[in-house]
């Protein structure tokens, strides 16, 4: 396959590129970093704010995988940052849409990221059929998915992956959990009883690969089969890290420190993986102990 990836330099994108290149697919990466585009032949310059993809570039018979968007947890959610989070996602998809419309890129399949932030908090297991809520992150996901679905107007199959909390040593939530452990302290948000619907970095990359390869239309939750409480993540970590003390950060402190973003940190959200499994996908890492073990196996 020829694969065009928007957001290929990010945490998930790098893992996905490695998988695709290992299987000898032809991968092209859209990047806003001109120096990379000048030094790496498969990097293509684009500027989503200006709706621009290098005019000298064209590609036919490809699949587009869209991972582009400003990091949700990178900065405090000021009004300016919230606008940037939304605009970065919409601008990226509109740039790709325009490129297909004017035949700079020819494709019949878009695989686009979304997030389980789409769902609210309730004492239930969320499926792809459930409705969103009124939170900022849910609103962002709604707009993101609506923009992706417009590609059906271009006769494209549209596959959307609602990504859970990604765990990996080089990035994502686990990297943040590990930082205070270097000082022998586990910083656990609130009671630690909140349920996180997580996914191993390898499995989330494999889901995007799977959707691209199998041309599965529709919305799919990209989460591991067994969500767990935050406390369970730290219990698993104790087997592979030196002894650490646990410190629970009170809710009011998190609300002061994180502002509106604290809603997502404190939220319990149990999300189903059944649909993607029924579509034929098999997870490599089903439970949190196996997930954590995979990151520390060489040191165990």
C-alpha atoms as a PDB file:
ATOM      1  CA  UNK A   1       0.000   0.000   0.000  1.00  0.00           C
ATOM      2  CA  UNK A   2       0.892   3.650  -0.393  1.00  0.00           C
ATOM      3  CA  UNK A   3       0.094   5.408   2.883  1.00  0.00           C
ATOM      4  CA  UNK A   4      -0.021   9.155   3.468  1.00  0.00           C
ATOM      5  CA  UNK A   5       0.162   9.979   7.182  1.00  0.00           C
ATOM      6  CA  UNK A   6      -0.738  13.316   8.736  1.00  0.00           C
ATOM      7  CA  UNK A   7       0.738  13.478  12.222  1.00  0.00           C
ATOM      8  CA  UNK A   8       3.325  10.815  11.490  1.00  0.00           C
ATOM      9  CA  UNK A   9       5.971  12.431  13.718  1.00  0.00           C
ATOM     10  CA  UNK A  10       3.928  12.007  16.907  1.00  0.00           C
ATOM     11  CA  UNK A  11       3.942   9.233  19.496  1.00  0.00           C
ATOM     12  CA  UNK A  12       1.411   7.017  17.700  1.00  0.00           C
ATOM     13  CA  UNK A  13       2.602   8.085  14.256  1.00  0.00           C
ATOM     14  CA  UNK A  14       6.186   6.944  14.807  1.00  0.00           C
ATOM     15  CA  UNK A  15       5.047   3.523  15.997  1.00  0.00           C
ATOM     16  CA  UNK A  16       2.668   3.203  13.051  1.00  0.00           C
ATOM     17  CA  UNK A  17       5.339   4.216  10.528  1.00  0.00           C
ATOM     18  CA  UNK A  18       7.668   1.550  11.927  1.00  0.00           C
ATOM     19  CA  UNK A  19       4.985  -1.125  11.474  1.00  0.00           C
ATOM     20  CA  UNK A  20       4.143  -0.049   7.937  1.00  0.00           C
ATOM     21  CA  UNK A  21       7.755   0.263   6.800  1.00  0.00           C
ATOM     22  CA  UNK A  22       8.614  -3.101   8.354  1.00  0.00           C
ATOM     23  CA  UNK A  23       5.964  -4.640   6.090  1.00  0.00           C
ATOM     24  CA  UNK A  24       7.435  -2.711   3.147  1.00  0.00           C
ATOM     25  CA  UNK A  25       4.548  -0.338   2.566  1.00  0.00           C
ATOM     26  CA  UNK A  26       5.382   2.987   0.917  1.00  0.00           C
ATOM     27  CA  UNK A  27       4.926   5.670   3.580  1.00  0.00           C
ATOM     28  CA  UNK A  28       4.715   9.436   3.070  1.00  0.00           C
ATOM     29  CA  UNK A  29       4.573  11.768   6.085  1.00  0.00           C
ATOM     30  CA  UNK A  30       3.068  15.249   6.056  1.00  0.00           C
ATOM     31  CA  UNK A  31       5.124  17.529   8.291  1.00  0.00           C
ATOM     32  CA  UNK A  32       5.119  21.208   9.251  1.00  0.00           C
ATOM     33  CA  UNK A  33       8.905  21.043   9.845  1.00  0.00           C
ATOM     34  CA  UNK A  34      10.614  22.265   6.694  1.00  0.00           C
ATOM     35  CA  UNK A  35      14.039  20.977   7.741  1.00  0.00           C
ATOM     36  CA  UNK A  36      12.727  17.393   7.917  1.00  0.00           C
ATOM     37  CA  UNK A  37      11.100  17.772   4.526  1.00  0.00           C
ATOM     38  CA  UNK A  38      14.395  18.966   3.067  1.00  0.00           C
ATOM     39  CA  UNK A  39      16.442  16.113   4.557  1.00  0.00           C
ATOM     40  CA  UNK A  40      14.041  13.134   4.363  1.00  0.00           C
ATOM     41  CA  UNK A  41      12.641  12.186   0.979  1.00  0.00           C
ATOM     42  CA  UNK A  42       9.386  10.716   2.338  1.00  0.00           C
ATOM     43  CA  UNK A  43       8.550  13.838   4.393  1.00  0.00           C
ATOM     44  CA  UNK A  44       6.233  16.286   2.636  1.00  0.00           C
ATOM     45  CA  UNK A  45       5.784  19.879   3.781  1.00  0.00           C
ATOM     46  CA  UNK A  46       2.312  21.084   4.650  1.00  0.00           C
ATOM     47  CA  UNK A  47       0.786  23.980   6.535  1.00  0.00           C
ATOM     48  CA  UNK A  48      -2.780  23.168   7.648  1.00  0.00           C
ATOM     49  CA  UNK A  49      -3.361  26.728   8.898  1.00  0.00           C
ATOM     50  CA  UNK A  50      -2.899  27.906   5.322  1.00  0.00           C
ATOM     51  CA  UNK A  51      -4.614  24.816   3.832  1.00  0.00           C
ATOM     52  CA  UNK A  52      -1.366  24.054   1.984  1.00  0.00           C
ATOM     53  CA  UNK A  53       0.384  20.863   0.900  1.00  0.00           C
ATOM     54  CA  UNK A  54       3.616  21.279  -1.096  1.00  0.00           C
ATOM     55  CA  UNK A  55       2.312  21.945  -4.652  1.00  0.00           C
ATOM     56  CA  UNK A  56       5.144  19.838  -6.085  1.00  0.00           C
ATOM     57  CA  UNK A  57       3.769  16.762  -4.308  1.00  0.00           C
ATOM     58  CA  UNK A  58       1.042  14.518  -5.653  1.00  0.00           C
ATOM     59  CA  UNK A  59       0.016  10.981  -4.824  1.00  0.00           C
ATOM     60  CA  UNK A  60      -2.380   8.513  -6.403  1.00  0.00           C
ATOM     61  CA  UNK A  61      -4.005   5.304  -5.173  1.00  0.00           C
ATOM     62  CA  UNK A  62      -3.145   5.881  -1.522  1.00  0.00           C
ATOM     63  CA  UNK A  63      -4.753   5.511   1.886  1.00  0.00           C
ATOM     64  CA  UNK A  64      -4.718   8.520   4.197  1.00  0.00           C
ATOM     65  CA  UNK A  65      -4.201   8.061   7.934  1.00  0.00           C
ATOM     66  CA  UNK A  66      -4.891  11.248   9.865  1.00  0.00           C
ATOM     67  CA  UNK A  67      -3.393  11.585  13.352  1.00  0.00           C
ATOM     68  CA  UNK A  68      -2.839  15.343  13.251  1.00  0.00           C
ATOM     69  CA  UNK A  69      -3.821  17.669  16.073  1.00  0.00           C
ATOM     70  CA  UNK A  70      -2.363  19.688  18.946  1.00  0.00           C
ATOM     71  CA  UNK A  71      -1.734  17.648  22.101  1.00  0.00           C
ATOM     72  CA  UNK A  72      -4.744  17.765  24.418  1.00  0.00           C
ATOM     73  CA  UNK A  73      -2.728  17.386  27.637  1.00  0.00           C
ATOM     74  CA  UNK A  74       0.340  19.416  26.654  1.00  0.00           C
ATOM     75  CA  UNK A  75      -0.824  22.770  28.070  1.00  0.00           C
ATOM     76  CA  UNK A  76      -3.466  24.231  30.361  1.00  0.00           C
ATOM     77  CA  UNK A  77      -6.806  24.733  28.609  1.00  0.00           C
ATOM     78  CA  UNK A  78      -6.978  28.484  28.216  1.00  0.00           C
ATOM     79  CA  UNK A  79      -9.491  29.859  25.704  1.00  0.00           C
ATOM     80  CA  UNK A  80      -6.607  30.280  23.238  1.00  0.00           C
ATOM     81  CA  UNK A  81      -5.352  26.733  23.758  1.00  0.00           C
ATOM     82  CA  UNK A  82      -8.829  25.250  23.370  1.00  0.00           C
ATOM     83  CA  UNK A  83      -9.216  27.045  20.060  1.00  0.00           C
ATOM     84  CA  UNK A  84      -5.829  25.704  18.956  1.00  0.00           C
ATOM     85  CA  UNK A  85      -6.826  22.134  19.880  1.00  0.00           C
ATOM     86  CA  UNK A  86      -9.989  22.325  17.785  1.00  0.00           C
ATOM     87  CA  UNK A  87      -8.565  24.334  14.879  1.00  0.00           C
ATOM     88  CA  UNK A  88      -5.544  22.051  14.487  1.00  0.00           C
ATOM     89  CA  UNK A  89      -7.858  19.080  13.933  1.00  0.00           C
ATOM     90  CA  UNK A  90     -10.334  20.800  11.643  1.00  0.00           C
ATOM     91  CA  UNK A  91      -7.664  22.592   9.584  1.00  0.00           C
ATOM     92  CA  UNK A  92      -5.780  19.329   9.009  1.00  0.00           C
ATOM     93  CA  UNK A  93      -8.842  17.510   7.692  1.00  0.00           C
ATOM     94  CA  UNK A  94      -9.938  20.456   5.556  1.00  0.00           C
ATOM     95  CA  UNK A  95      -6.455  20.629   4.012  1.00  0.00           C
ATOM     96  CA  UNK A  96      -6.616  16.939   3.117  1.00  0.00           C
ATOM     97  CA  UNK A  97     -10.190  17.317   1.820  1.00  0.00           C
ATOM     98  CA  UNK A  98      -9.160  20.199  -0.459  1.00  0.00           C
ATOM     99  CA  UNK A  99      -6.161  18.241  -1.781  1.00  0.00           C
ATOM    100  CA  UNK A 100      -8.415  15.326  -2.737  1.00  0.00           C
ATOM    101  CA  UNK A 101     -11.015  17.639  -4.262  1.00  0.00           C
ATOM    102  CA  UNK A 102      -8.439  19.209  -6.578  1.00  0.00           C
ATOM    103  CA  UNK A 103      -6.896  15.773  -7.272  1.00  0.00           C
ATOM    104  CA  UNK A 104      -3.495  16.539  -5.778  1.00  0.00           C
ATOM    105  CA  UNK A 105      -4.139  13.395  -3.744  1.00  0.00           C
ATOM    106  CA  UNK A 106      -6.231  10.498  -5.036  1.00  0.00           C
ATOM    107  CA  UNK A 107      -7.651   8.133  -2.431  1.00  0.00           C
ATOM    108  CA  UNK A 108     -10.766   6.192  -1.567  1.00  0.00           C
ATOM    109  CA  UNK A 109     -10.061   5.684   2.144  1.00  0.00           C
ATOM    110  CA  UNK A 110      -9.524   7.944   5.141  1.00  0.00           C
ATOM    111  CA  UNK A 111      -8.587   6.530   8.542  1.00  0.00           C
ATOM    112  CA  UNK A 112      -8.880   9.295  11.114  1.00  0.00           C
ATOM    113  CA  UNK A 113      -8.192   9.547  14.825  1.00  0.00           C
ATOM    114  CA  UNK A 114     -10.674  10.636  17.452  1.00  0.00           C
ATOM    115  CA  UNK A 115     -10.659   9.961  21.194  1.00  0.00           C
ATOM    116  CA  UNK A 116     -12.721   8.359  23.943  1.00  0.00           C
ATOM    117  CA  UNK A 117     -13.033  11.858  25.353  1.00  0.00           C
ATOM    118  CA  UNK A 118     -16.150  11.716  23.170  1.00  0.00           C
ATOM    119  CA  UNK A 119     -17.872   9.869  26.031  1.00  0.00           C
ATOM    120  CA  UNK A 120     -18.962  11.278  29.354  1.00  0.00           C
ATOM    121  CA  UNK A 121     -18.941   9.614  32.752  1.00  0.00           C
ATOM    122  CA  UNK A 122     -21.559   7.053  33.759  1.00  0.00           C
ATOM    123  CA  UNK A 123     -21.872   3.728  35.554  1.00  0.00           C
ATOM    124  CA  UNK A 124     -21.943   1.740  32.304  1.00  0.00           C
ATOM    125  CA  UNK A 125     -19.753   0.449  29.496  1.00  0.00           C
ATOM    126  CA  UNK A 126     -19.684   2.880  26.588  1.00  0.00           C
ATOM    127  CA  UNK A 127     -20.024   1.597  23.020  1.00  0.00           C
ATOM    128  CA  UNK A 128     -19.728   3.358  19.698  1.00  0.00           C
ATOM    129  CA  UNK A 129     -23.506   3.857  19.696  1.00  0.00           C
ATOM    130  CA  UNK A 130     -23.523   6.007  22.830  1.00  0.00           C
ATOM    131  CA  UNK A 131     -24.015   9.754  22.691  1.00  0.00           C
ATOM    132  CA  UNK A 132     -21.497  12.411  23.582  1.00  0.00           C
ATOM    133  CA  UNK A 133     -21.735  14.840  26.471  1.00  0.00           C
ATOM    134  CA  UNK A 134     -21.314  18.615  26.786  1.00  0.00           C
ATOM    135  CA  UNK A 135     -17.666  18.702  27.912  1.00  0.00           C
ATOM    136  CA  UNK A 136     -14.962  20.484  25.922  1.00  0.00           C
ATOM    137  CA  UNK A 137     -13.175  17.293  24.917  1.00  0.00           C
ATOM    138  CA  UNK A 138     -16.417  15.656  23.823  1.00  0.00           C
ATOM    139  CA  UNK A 139     -17.310  18.703  21.741  1.00  0.00           C
ATOM    140  CA  UNK A 140     -13.845  18.589  20.173  1.00  0.00           C
ATOM    141  CA  UNK A 141     -14.275  14.919  19.250  1.00  0.00           C
ATOM    142  CA  UNK A 142     -17.719  15.572  17.787  1.00  0.00           C
ATOM    143  CA  UNK A 143     -16.378  18.314  15.514  1.00  0.00           C
ATOM    144  CA  UNK A 144     -13.334  16.201  14.616  1.00  0.00           C
ATOM    145  CA  UNK A 145     -15.477  13.224  13.594  1.00  0.00           C
ATOM    146  CA  UNK A 146     -18.014  15.335  11.710  1.00  0.00           C
ATOM    147  CA  UNK A 147     -15.193  16.829   9.647  1.00  0.00           C
ATOM    148  CA  UNK A 148     -13.824  13.363   8.886  1.00  0.00           C
ATOM    149  CA  UNK A 149     -17.230  12.056   7.816  1.00  0.00           C
ATOM    150  CA  UNK A 150     -17.389  14.773   5.125  1.00  0.00           C
ATOM    151  CA  UNK A 151     -14.882  12.670   3.158  1.00  0.00           C
ATOM    152  CA  UNK A 152     -17.777  10.390   2.254  1.00  0.00           C
ATOM    153  CA  UNK A 153     -18.809  13.199  -0.102  1.00  0.00           C
ATOM    154  CA  UNK A 154     -15.596  12.406  -2.031  1.00  0.00           C
ATOM    155  CA  UNK A 155     -16.563   8.713  -2.293  1.00  0.00           C
ATOM    156  CA  UNK A 156     -14.105   7.768   0.437  1.00  0.00           C
ATOM    157  CA  UNK A 157     -14.514   5.000   2.975  1.00  0.00           C
ATOM    158  CA  UNK A 158     -14.173   6.669   6.378  1.00  0.00           C
ATOM    159  CA  UNK A 159     -12.788   4.769   9.379  1.00  0.00           C
ATOM    160  CA  UNK A 160     -12.591   6.522  12.750  1.00  0.00           C
ATOM    161  CA  UNK A 161     -10.641   5.229  15.764  1.00  0.00           C
ATOM    162  CA  UNK A 162     -11.639   6.634  19.157  1.00  0.00           C
ATOM    163  CA  UNK A 163      -8.316   6.260  20.931  1.00  0.00           C
ATOM    164  CA  UNK A 164      -8.129   5.508  24.653  1.00  0.00           C
ATOM    165  CA  UNK A 165      -5.381   6.447  27.126  1.00  0.00           C
ATOM    166  CA  UNK A 166      -2.218   5.357  25.341  1.00  0.00           C
ATOM    167  CA  UNK A 167       0.483   3.650  27.413  1.00  0.00           C
ATOM    168  CA  UNK A 168       4.080   3.488  26.257  1.00  0.00           C
ATOM    169  CA  UNK A 169       7.520   4.116  27.759  1.00  0.00           C
ATOM    170  CA  UNK A 170       8.442   6.829  25.279  1.00  0.00           C
ATOM    171  CA  UNK A 171       5.260   8.881  25.599  1.00  0.00           C
ATOM    172  CA  UNK A 172       1.612   8.957  26.588  1.00  0.00           C
ATOM    173  CA  UNK A 173       0.212   8.552  30.097  1.00  0.00           C
ATOM    174  CA  UNK A 174       2.720   5.968  31.339  1.00  0.00           C
ATOM    175  CA  UNK A 175       5.637   8.310  30.723  1.00  0.00           C
ATOM    176  CA  UNK A 176       3.914  10.897  32.943  1.00  0.00           C
ATOM    177  CA  UNK A 177       3.254   8.285  35.636  1.00  0.00           C
ATOM    178  CA  UNK A 178       6.930   7.273  35.623  1.00  0.00           C
ATOM    179  CA  UNK A 179       8.355  10.773  36.146  1.00  0.00           C
ATOM    180  CA  UNK A 180       7.673  11.058  39.903  1.00  0.00           C
ATOM    181  CA  UNK A 181       8.679   7.425  40.406  1.00  0.00           C
ATOM    182  CA  UNK A 182      12.278   8.509  39.762  1.00  0.00           C
ATOM    183  CA  UNK A 183      12.042  10.219  43.162  1.00  0.00           C
ATOM    184  CA  UNK A 184      10.361   7.212  44.746  1.00  0.00           C
ATOM    185  CA  UNK A 185       6.872   8.713  44.804  1.00  0.00           C
ATOM    186  CA  UNK A 186       3.742   7.655  42.939  1.00  0.00           C
ATOM    187  CA  UNK A 187       1.543  10.666  42.265  1.00  0.00           C
ATOM    188  CA  UNK A 188      -1.952   9.174  42.057  1.00  0.00           C
ATOM    189  CA  UNK A 189      -4.829  11.461  41.015  1.00  0.00           C
ATOM    190  CA  UNK A 190      -7.510  11.631  43.754  1.00  0.00           C
ATOM    191  CA  UNK A 191      -8.551   8.187  45.086  1.00  0.00           C
ATOM    192  CA  UNK A 192      -7.056   6.306  42.131  1.00  0.00           C
ATOM    193  CA  UNK A 193     -10.313   4.387  41.779  1.00  0.00           C
ATOM    194  CA  UNK A 194     -11.160   6.096  38.496  1.00  0.00           C
ATOM    195  CA  UNK A 195     -11.438   3.625  35.623  1.00  0.00           C
ATOM    196  CA  UNK A 196      -9.131   4.340  32.691  1.00  0.00           C
ATOM    197  CA  UNK A 197      -9.785   2.768  29.308  1.00  0.00           C
ATOM    198  CA  UNK A 198      -6.186   2.350  28.209  1.00  0.00           C
ATOM    199  CA  UNK A 199      -4.392   0.837  25.212  1.00  0.00           C
ATOM    200  CA  UNK A 200      -0.808  -0.286  24.597  1.00  0.00           C
ATOM    201  CA  UNK A 201       1.065   1.880  22.073  1.00  0.00           C
ATOM    202  CA  UNK A 202       1.732  -1.154  19.874  1.00  0.00           C
ATOM    203  CA  UNK A 203      -1.945  -2.113  19.763  1.00  0.00           C
ATOM    204  CA  UNK A 204      -3.172   1.375  18.922  1.00  0.00           C
ATOM    205  CA  UNK A 205      -0.728   1.552  16.000  1.00  0.00           C
ATOM    206  CA  UNK A 206      -1.880  -1.926  14.932  1.00  0.00           C
ATOM    207  CA  UNK A 207      -5.524  -0.788  14.982  1.00  0.00           C
ATOM    208  CA  UNK A 208      -4.799   2.061  12.559  1.00  0.00           C
ATOM    209  CA  UNK A 209      -2.886  -0.404  10.364  1.00  0.00           C
ATOM    210  CA  UNK A 210      -5.768  -2.890  10.596  1.00  0.00           C
ATOM    211  CA  UNK A 211      -8.424  -0.332   9.644  1.00  0.00           C
ATOM    212  CA  UNK A 212      -6.318   0.848   6.701  1.00  0.00           C
ATOM    213  CA  UNK A 213      -5.568  -2.655   5.465  1.00  0.00           C
ATOM    214  CA  UNK A 214      -9.076  -4.070   5.913  1.00  0.00           C
ATOM    215  CA  UNK A 215     -10.917  -0.902   4.793  1.00  0.00           C
ATOM    216  CA  UNK A 216     -13.326  -1.101   7.715  1.00  0.00           C
ATOM    217  CA  UNK A 217     -15.846   1.735   7.540  1.00  0.00           C
ATOM    218  CA  UNK A 218     -17.343   3.251  10.678  1.00  0.00           C
ATOM    219  CA  UNK A 219     -16.348   4.259  14.192  1.00  0.00           C
ATOM    220  CA  UNK A 220     -14.303   1.911  16.395  1.00  0.00           C
ATOM    221  CA  UNK A 221     -13.109   2.256  19.979  1.00  0.00           C
ATOM    222  CA  UNK A 222      -9.341   1.800  20.169  1.00  0.00           C
ATOM    223  CA  UNK A 223      -9.099   0.557  23.768  1.00  0.00           C
ATOM    224  CA  UNK A 224      -7.833  -2.638  25.374  1.00  0.00           C
ATOM    225  CA  UNK A 225     -10.473  -5.224  26.401  1.00  0.00           C
ATOM    226  CA  UNK A 226      -9.914  -4.742  30.143  1.00  0.00           C
ATOM    227  CA  UNK A 227     -10.137  -1.183  31.492  1.00  0.00           C
ATOM    228  CA  UNK A 228      -8.702  -0.747  34.982  1.00  0.00           C
ATOM    229  CA  UNK A 229      -8.470   1.633  37.913  1.00  0.00           C
ATOM    230  CA  UNK A 230      -5.443   3.929  38.125  1.00  0.00           C
ATOM    231  CA  UNK A 231      -4.458   2.142  41.338  1.00  0.00           C
ATOM    232  CA  UNK A 232      -4.147  -1.093  39.347  1.00  0.00           C
ATOM    233  CA  UNK A 233      -1.654   0.555  36.986  1.00  0.00           C
ATOM    234  CA  UNK A 234       0.583   1.465  39.924  1.00  0.00           C
ATOM    235  CA  UNK A 235       0.176  -2.000  41.455  1.00  0.00           C
ATOM    236  CA  UNK A 236       1.475  -3.441  38.173  1.00  0.00           C
ATOM    237  CA  UNK A 237       4.329  -0.929  38.113  1.00  0.00           C
ATOM    238  CA  UNK A 238       5.485  -1.992  41.593  1.00  0.00           C
ATOM    239  CA  UNK A 239       6.623  -5.337  40.160  1.00  0.00           C
ATOM    240  CA  UNK A 240       9.110  -3.659  37.851  1.00  0.00           C
ATOM    241  CA  UNK A 241      10.098  -0.418  39.587  1.00  0.00           C
ATOM    242  CA  UNK A 242      11.925   0.004  42.888  1.00  0.00           C
ATOM    243  CA  UNK A 243       9.733   0.472  45.949  1.00  0.00           C
ATOM    244  CA  UNK A 244       7.886   3.775  45.942  1.00  0.00           C
ATOM    245  CA  UNK A 245       5.561   5.660  48.244  1.00  0.00           C
ATOM    246  CA  UNK A 246       2.070   6.506  47.064  1.00  0.00           C
ATOM    247  CA  UNK A 247       0.750  10.036  47.357  1.00  0.00           C
ATOM    248  CA  UNK A 248      -2.832  10.827  46.386  1.00  0.00           C
ATOM    249  CA  UNK A 249      -3.387  14.317  45.004  1.00  0.00           C
ATOM    250  CA  UNK A 250      -6.734  15.647  46.319  1.00  0.00           C
ATOM    251  CA  UNK A 251      -9.388  16.571  43.764  1.00  0.00           C
ATOM    252  CA  UNK A 252      -9.382  20.255  44.720  1.00  0.00           C
ATOM    253  CA  UNK A 253      -5.615  20.455  44.170  1.00  0.00           C
ATOM    254  CA  UNK A 254      -5.941  18.885  40.710  1.00  0.00           C
ATOM    255  CA  UNK A 255      -8.737  21.295  39.838  1.00  0.00           C
ATOM    256  CA  UNK A 256      -6.534  24.247  40.832  1.00  0.00           C
ATOM    257  CA  UNK A 257      -3.484  22.887  38.990  1.00  0.00           C
ATOM    258  CA  UNK A 258      -5.170  21.635  35.840  1.00  0.00           C
ATOM    259  CA  UNK A 259      -8.294  23.751  35.584  1.00  0.00           C
ATOM    260  CA  UNK A 260     -10.912  22.362  33.200  1.00  0.00           C
ATOM    261  CA  UNK A 261      -8.545  19.569  32.125  1.00  0.00           C
ATOM    262  CA  UNK A 262      -8.998  17.997  35.577  1.00  0.00           C
ATOM    263  CA  UNK A 263     -12.405  16.736  34.374  1.00  0.00           C
ATOM    264  CA  UNK A 264     -10.635  14.170  32.174  1.00  0.00           C
ATOM    265  CA  UNK A 265      -8.064  13.180  34.825  1.00  0.00           C
ATOM    266  CA  UNK A 266     -10.748  12.562  37.440  1.00  0.00           C
ATOM    267  CA  UNK A 267     -13.272  10.913  35.122  1.00  0.00           C
ATOM    268  CA  UNK A 268     -14.091   7.203  35.162  1.00  0.00           C
ATOM    269  CA  UNK A 269     -14.863   5.948  31.681  1.00  0.00           C
ATOM    270  CA  UNK A 270     -15.254   2.273  30.878  1.00  0.00           C
ATOM    271  CA  UNK A 271     -15.209   1.789  27.095  1.00  0.00           C
ATOM    272  CA  UNK A 272     -15.923  -1.385  25.114  1.00  0.00           C
ATOM    273  CA  UNK A 273     -13.478  -2.920  22.620  1.00  0.00           C
ATOM    274  CA  UNK A 274     -16.026  -5.450  21.358  1.00  0.00           C
ATOM    275  CA  UNK A 275     -16.725  -3.863  17.964  1.00  0.00           C
ATOM    276  CA  UNK A 276     -13.090  -3.790  16.814  1.00  0.00           C
ATOM    277  CA  UNK A 277     -12.623  -7.382  18.040  1.00  0.00           C
ATOM    278  CA  UNK A 278     -15.726  -8.534  16.174  1.00  0.00           C
ATOM    279  CA  UNK A 279     -14.290  -6.849  13.069  1.00  0.00           C
ATOM    280  CA  UNK A 280     -11.345  -9.273  13.313  1.00  0.00           C
ATOM    281  CA  UNK A 281      -8.724  -7.405  15.338  1.00  0.00           C
ATOM    282  CA  UNK A 282      -6.764  -9.315  18.009  1.00  0.00           C
ATOM    283  CA  UNK A 283      -5.021  -7.461  20.827  1.00  0.00           C
ATOM    284  CA  UNK A 284      -1.460  -8.302  21.835  1.00  0.00           C
ATOM    285  CA  UNK A 285      -1.932  -6.739  25.274  1.00  0.00           C
ATOM    286  CA  UNK A 286      -5.298  -7.423  26.909  1.00  0.00           C
ATOM    287  CA  UNK A 287      -4.707  -6.622  30.576  1.00  0.00           C
ATOM    288  CA  UNK A 288      -2.716  -4.018  32.452  1.00  0.00           C
ATOM    289  CA  UNK A 289      -0.208  -6.422  34.041  1.00  0.00           C
ATOM    290  CA  UNK A 290       0.789  -7.785  30.638  1.00  0.00           C
ATOM    291  CA  UNK A 291       0.949  -4.258  29.255  1.00  0.00           C
ATOM    292  CA  UNK A 292       3.280  -2.967  31.963  1.00  0.00           C
ATOM    293  CA  UNK A 293       5.367  -6.157  31.846  1.00  0.00           C
ATOM    294  CA  UNK A 294       6.035  -5.589  28.137  1.00  0.00           C
ATOM    295  CA  UNK A 295       7.725  -2.264  28.903  1.00  0.00           C
ATOM    296  CA  UNK A 296      10.032  -3.667  31.589  1.00  0.00           C
ATOM    297  CA  UNK A 297      10.599  -7.228  30.407  1.00  0.00           C
ATOM    298  CA  UNK A 298      14.226  -6.588  29.510  1.00  0.00           C
ATOM    299  CA  UNK A 299      14.882  -5.359  33.051  1.00  0.00           C
ATOM    300  CA  UNK A 300      12.882  -7.963  34.957  1.00  0.00           C
END
